[in-house]
Amino acid sequence: QVQLVESGGGLVQAGGSLRLSCAASGSIFSINVMGWYRQAPGKQREWVASIASGGSTNYADSVKGRFTISRDNSKNTMYLQMNSLKPEDTAVYYCYDVRTPLARDWGQGTQVTVSS
């Protein structure tokens, strides 16, 4: 199993930036993909971005060009750099990993609030 711990959330004004971190521990050698989801109040969880073990990245259209996902394997940590934040980015952000098609781990979530 893998344990994931997010940090870096907070309150920021529209147009500002935040960087989220997701530290992984445990059986990290088994991780194939890591990424982020978010869930706004009253809405379904939405996929945001992912990064594969080889470094390839994918983004939801709603964040493309504003968010950047990266990982530092030496620190077992994944990041989400969020720029040009909008009020609609307000949500709880969850990091996740995929070890096998049936094995996925989740962090506890970190709140991001963007004020207008």
C-alpha atoms as a PDB file:
ATOM      1  CA  GLN A   1       0.000   0.000   0.000  1.00  0.00           C
ATOM      2  CA  VAL A   2       0.934   3.653  -0.418  1.00  0.00           C
ATOM      3  CA  GLN A   3       0.193   6.502   1.946  1.00  0.00           C
ATOM      4  CA  LEU A   4      -0.397   9.935   0.439  1.00  0.00           C
ATOM      5  CA  VAL A   5      -0.359  13.218   2.354  1.00  0.00           C
ATOM      6  CA  GLU A   6      -1.319  16.510   0.702  1.00  0.00           C
ATOM      7  CA  SER A   7      -0.269  19.977   1.807  1.00  0.00           C
ATOM      8  CA  GLY A   8      -0.191  23.496   0.453  1.00  0.00           C
ATOM      9  CA  GLY A   9      -3.842  24.407   0.280  1.00  0.00           C
ATOM     10  CA  GLY A  10      -5.158  27.722   1.514  1.00  0.00           C
ATOM     11  CA  LEU A  11      -6.962  30.938   0.692  1.00  0.00           C
ATOM     12  CA  VAL A  12      -5.835  33.027  -2.257  1.00  0.00           C
ATOM     13  CA  GLN A  13      -7.295  35.866  -4.299  1.00  0.00           C
ATOM     14  CA  ALA A  14      -8.361  35.346  -7.883  1.00  0.00           C
ATOM     15  CA  GLY A  15      -5.361  35.564 -10.182  1.00  0.00           C
ATOM     16  CA  GLY A  16      -3.041  34.274  -7.497  1.00  0.00           C
ATOM     17  CA  SER A  17      -1.029  31.076  -7.250  1.00  0.00           C
ATOM     18  CA  LEU A  18      -0.687  28.089  -4.943  1.00  0.00           C
ATOM     19  CA  ARG A  19       1.456  24.974  -5.024  1.00  0.00           C
ATOM     20  CA  LEU A  20       0.069  21.735  -3.686  1.00  0.00           C
ATOM     21  CA  SER A  21       2.323  18.898  -2.604  1.00  0.00           C
ATOM     22  CA  CYS A  22       1.575  15.199  -2.249  1.00  0.00           C
ATOM     23  CA  ALA A  23       4.133  13.151  -0.331  1.00  0.00           C
ATOM     24  CA  ALA A  24       4.085   9.405  -0.884  1.00  0.00           C
ATOM     25  CA  SER A  25       5.373   6.680   1.405  1.00  0.00           C
ATOM     26  CA  GLY A  26       5.134   2.907   1.522  1.00  0.00           C
ATOM     27  CA  SER A  27       5.250   0.745  -1.592  1.00  0.00           C
ATOM     28  CA  ILE A  28       6.061   3.657  -3.879  1.00  0.00           C
ATOM     29  CA  PHE A  29       7.926   1.427  -6.329  1.00  0.00           C
ATOM     30  CA  SER A  30       4.557   0.067  -7.398  1.00  0.00           C
ATOM     31  CA  ILE A  31       3.123   3.445  -8.450  1.00  0.00           C
ATOM     32  CA  ASN A  32       2.405   3.817 -12.165  1.00  0.00           C
ATOM     33  CA  VAL A  33       0.455   7.055 -12.271  1.00  0.00           C
ATOM     34  CA  MET A  34      -0.144   9.879  -9.816  1.00  0.00           C
ATOM     35  CA  GLY A  35      -2.544  12.739 -10.110  1.00  0.00           C
ATOM     36  CA  TRP A  36      -5.103  15.086  -8.650  1.00  0.00           C
ATOM     37  CA  TYR A  37      -8.848  15.217  -8.397  1.00  0.00           C
ATOM     38  CA  ARG A  38     -10.917  17.982  -6.879  1.00  0.00           C
ATOM     39  CA  GLN A  39     -14.394  18.239  -5.438  1.00  0.00           C
ATOM     40  CA  ALA A  40     -16.306  21.461  -5.055  1.00  0.00           C
ATOM     41  CA  PRO A  41     -19.274  21.738  -2.677  1.00  0.00           C
ATOM     42  CA  GLY A  42     -22.341  20.087  -4.143  1.00  0.00           C
ATOM     43  CA  LYS A  43     -20.449  18.802  -7.176  1.00  0.00           C
ATOM     44  CA  GLN A  44     -19.009  15.481  -8.260  1.00  0.00           C
ATOM     45  CA  ARG A  45     -15.327  14.781  -7.923  1.00  0.00           C
ATOM     46  CA  GLU A  46     -13.503  16.070 -11.008  1.00  0.00           C
ATOM     47  CA  TRP A  47     -10.230  14.790 -12.397  1.00  0.00           C
ATOM     48  CA  VAL A  48      -7.646  17.577 -12.705  1.00  0.00           C
ATOM     49  CA  ALA A  49      -4.294  16.224 -13.902  1.00  0.00           C
ATOM     50  CA  SER A  50      -2.062  13.176 -13.911  1.00  0.00           C
ATOM     51  CA  ILE A  51       1.586  12.274 -14.414  1.00  0.00           C
ATOM     52  CA  ALA A  52       2.898   8.860 -15.370  1.00  0.00           C
ATOM     53  CA  SER A  53       6.040   7.236 -14.061  1.00  0.00           C
ATOM     54  CA  GLY A  54       7.748   8.099 -17.335  1.00  0.00           C
ATOM     55  CA  GLY A  55       6.858  11.752 -16.929  1.00  0.00           C
ATOM     56  CA  SER A  56       4.044  12.186 -19.433  1.00  0.00           C
ATOM     57  CA  THR A  57       1.300  14.522 -18.217  1.00  0.00           C
ATOM     58  CA  ASN A  58      -2.373  15.106 -18.894  1.00  0.00           C
ATOM     59  CA  TYR A  59      -4.686  17.908 -17.851  1.00  0.00           C
ATOM     60  CA  ALA A  60      -8.373  18.620 -17.729  1.00  0.00           C
ATOM     61  CA  ASP A  61      -9.377  21.293 -20.223  1.00  0.00           C
ATOM     62  CA  SER A  62     -10.516  23.518 -17.362  1.00  0.00           C
ATOM     63  CA  VAL A  63      -6.971  23.838 -15.985  1.00  0.00           C
ATOM     64  CA  LYS A  64      -4.824  23.425 -19.084  1.00  0.00           C
ATOM     65  CA  GLY A  65      -2.357  26.261 -19.429  1.00  0.00           C
ATOM     66  CA  ARG A  66      -2.811  27.341 -15.802  1.00  0.00           C
ATOM     67  CA  PHE A  67      -1.841  24.266 -13.772  1.00  0.00           C
ATOM     68  CA  THR A  68       1.370  22.262 -13.970  1.00  0.00           C
ATOM     69  CA  ILE A  69       1.836  18.813 -12.496  1.00  0.00           C
ATOM     70  CA  SER A  70       5.296  17.504 -11.680  1.00  0.00           C
ATOM     71  CA  ARG A  71       7.025  14.963  -9.488  1.00  0.00           C
ATOM     72  CA  ASP A  72      10.348  14.785  -7.665  1.00  0.00           C
ATOM     73  CA  ASN A  73      11.211  11.105  -7.415  1.00  0.00           C
ATOM     74  CA  SER A  74      14.117  11.821  -5.070  1.00  0.00           C
ATOM     75  CA  LYS A  75      11.624  13.234  -2.562  1.00  0.00           C
ATOM     76  CA  ASN A  76       8.752  10.872  -3.399  1.00  0.00           C
ATOM     77  CA  THR A  77       6.626  13.963  -3.859  1.00  0.00           C
ATOM     78  CA  MET A  78       4.242  15.176  -6.528  1.00  0.00           C
ATOM     79  CA  TYR A  79       3.309  18.817  -7.031  1.00  0.00           C
ATOM     80  CA  LEU A  80       0.505  20.809  -8.574  1.00  0.00           C
ATOM     81  CA  GLN A  81       1.478  24.375  -9.404  1.00  0.00           C
ATOM     82  CA  MET A  82      -1.712  26.378  -9.810  1.00  0.00           C
ATOM     83  CA  ASN A  83      -1.491  29.808 -11.444  1.00  0.00           C
ATOM     84  CA  SER A  84      -4.133  32.315 -12.518  1.00  0.00           C
ATOM     85  CA  LEU A  85      -6.540  30.832 -10.028  1.00  0.00           C
ATOM     86  CA  LYS A  86     -10.254  31.450 -10.460  1.00  0.00           C
ATOM     87  CA  PRO A  87     -13.098  31.260  -7.926  1.00  0.00           C
ATOM     88  CA  GLU A  88     -14.334  28.163  -9.735  1.00  0.00           C
ATOM     89  CA  ASP A  89     -11.097  26.403  -8.770  1.00  0.00           C
ATOM     90  CA  THR A  90     -12.315  26.414  -5.173  1.00  0.00           C
ATOM     91  CA  ALA A  91     -12.511  22.799  -4.034  1.00  0.00           C
ATOM     92  CA  VAL A  92     -10.947  20.129  -1.887  1.00  0.00           C
ATOM     93  CA  TYR A  93      -8.014  18.746  -3.847  1.00  0.00           C
ATOM     94  CA  TYR A  94      -7.130  15.068  -3.493  1.00  0.00           C
ATOM     95  CA  CYS A  95      -4.014  13.363  -4.736  1.00  0.00           C
ATOM     96  CA  TYR A  96      -4.177   9.779  -5.875  1.00  0.00           C
ATOM     97  CA  ASP A  97      -1.992   7.062  -7.287  1.00  0.00           C
ATOM     98  CA  VAL A  98      -2.628   4.049  -9.459  1.00  0.00           C
ATOM     99  CA  ARG A  99      -0.610   0.931  -8.721  1.00  0.00           C
ATOM    100  CA  THR A 100      -2.728  -1.496 -10.729  1.00  0.00           C
ATOM    101  CA  PRO A 101      -6.105  -1.101 -12.447  1.00  0.00           C
ATOM    102  CA  LEU A 102      -7.718  -2.276  -9.216  1.00  0.00           C
ATOM    103  CA  ALA A 103      -5.346  -0.682  -6.690  1.00  0.00           C
ATOM    104  CA  ARG A 104      -5.604   3.031  -6.096  1.00  0.00           C
ATOM    105  CA  ASP A 105      -4.702   5.127  -3.050  1.00  0.00           C
ATOM    106  CA  TRP A 106      -6.022   8.525  -1.985  1.00  0.00           C
ATOM    107  CA  GLY A 107      -4.836  11.345   0.184  1.00  0.00           C
ATOM    108  CA  GLN A 108      -7.014  13.037   2.780  1.00  0.00           C
ATOM    109  CA  GLY A 109      -7.528  16.188   0.749  1.00  0.00           C
ATOM    110  CA  THR A 110      -6.490  19.817   1.084  1.00  0.00           C
ATOM    111  CA  GLN A 111      -8.820  22.809   0.791  1.00  0.00           C
ATOM    112  CA  VAL A 112      -8.188  25.453  -1.852  1.00  0.00           C
ATOM    113  CA  THR A 113     -10.332  28.581  -1.669  1.00  0.00           C
ATOM    114  CA  VAL A 114     -10.106  31.310  -4.295  1.00  0.00           C
ATOM    115  CA  SER A 115     -11.805  34.578  -3.440  1.00  0.00           C
ATOM    116  CA  SER A 116     -13.112  36.946  -6.087  1.00  0.00           C
END
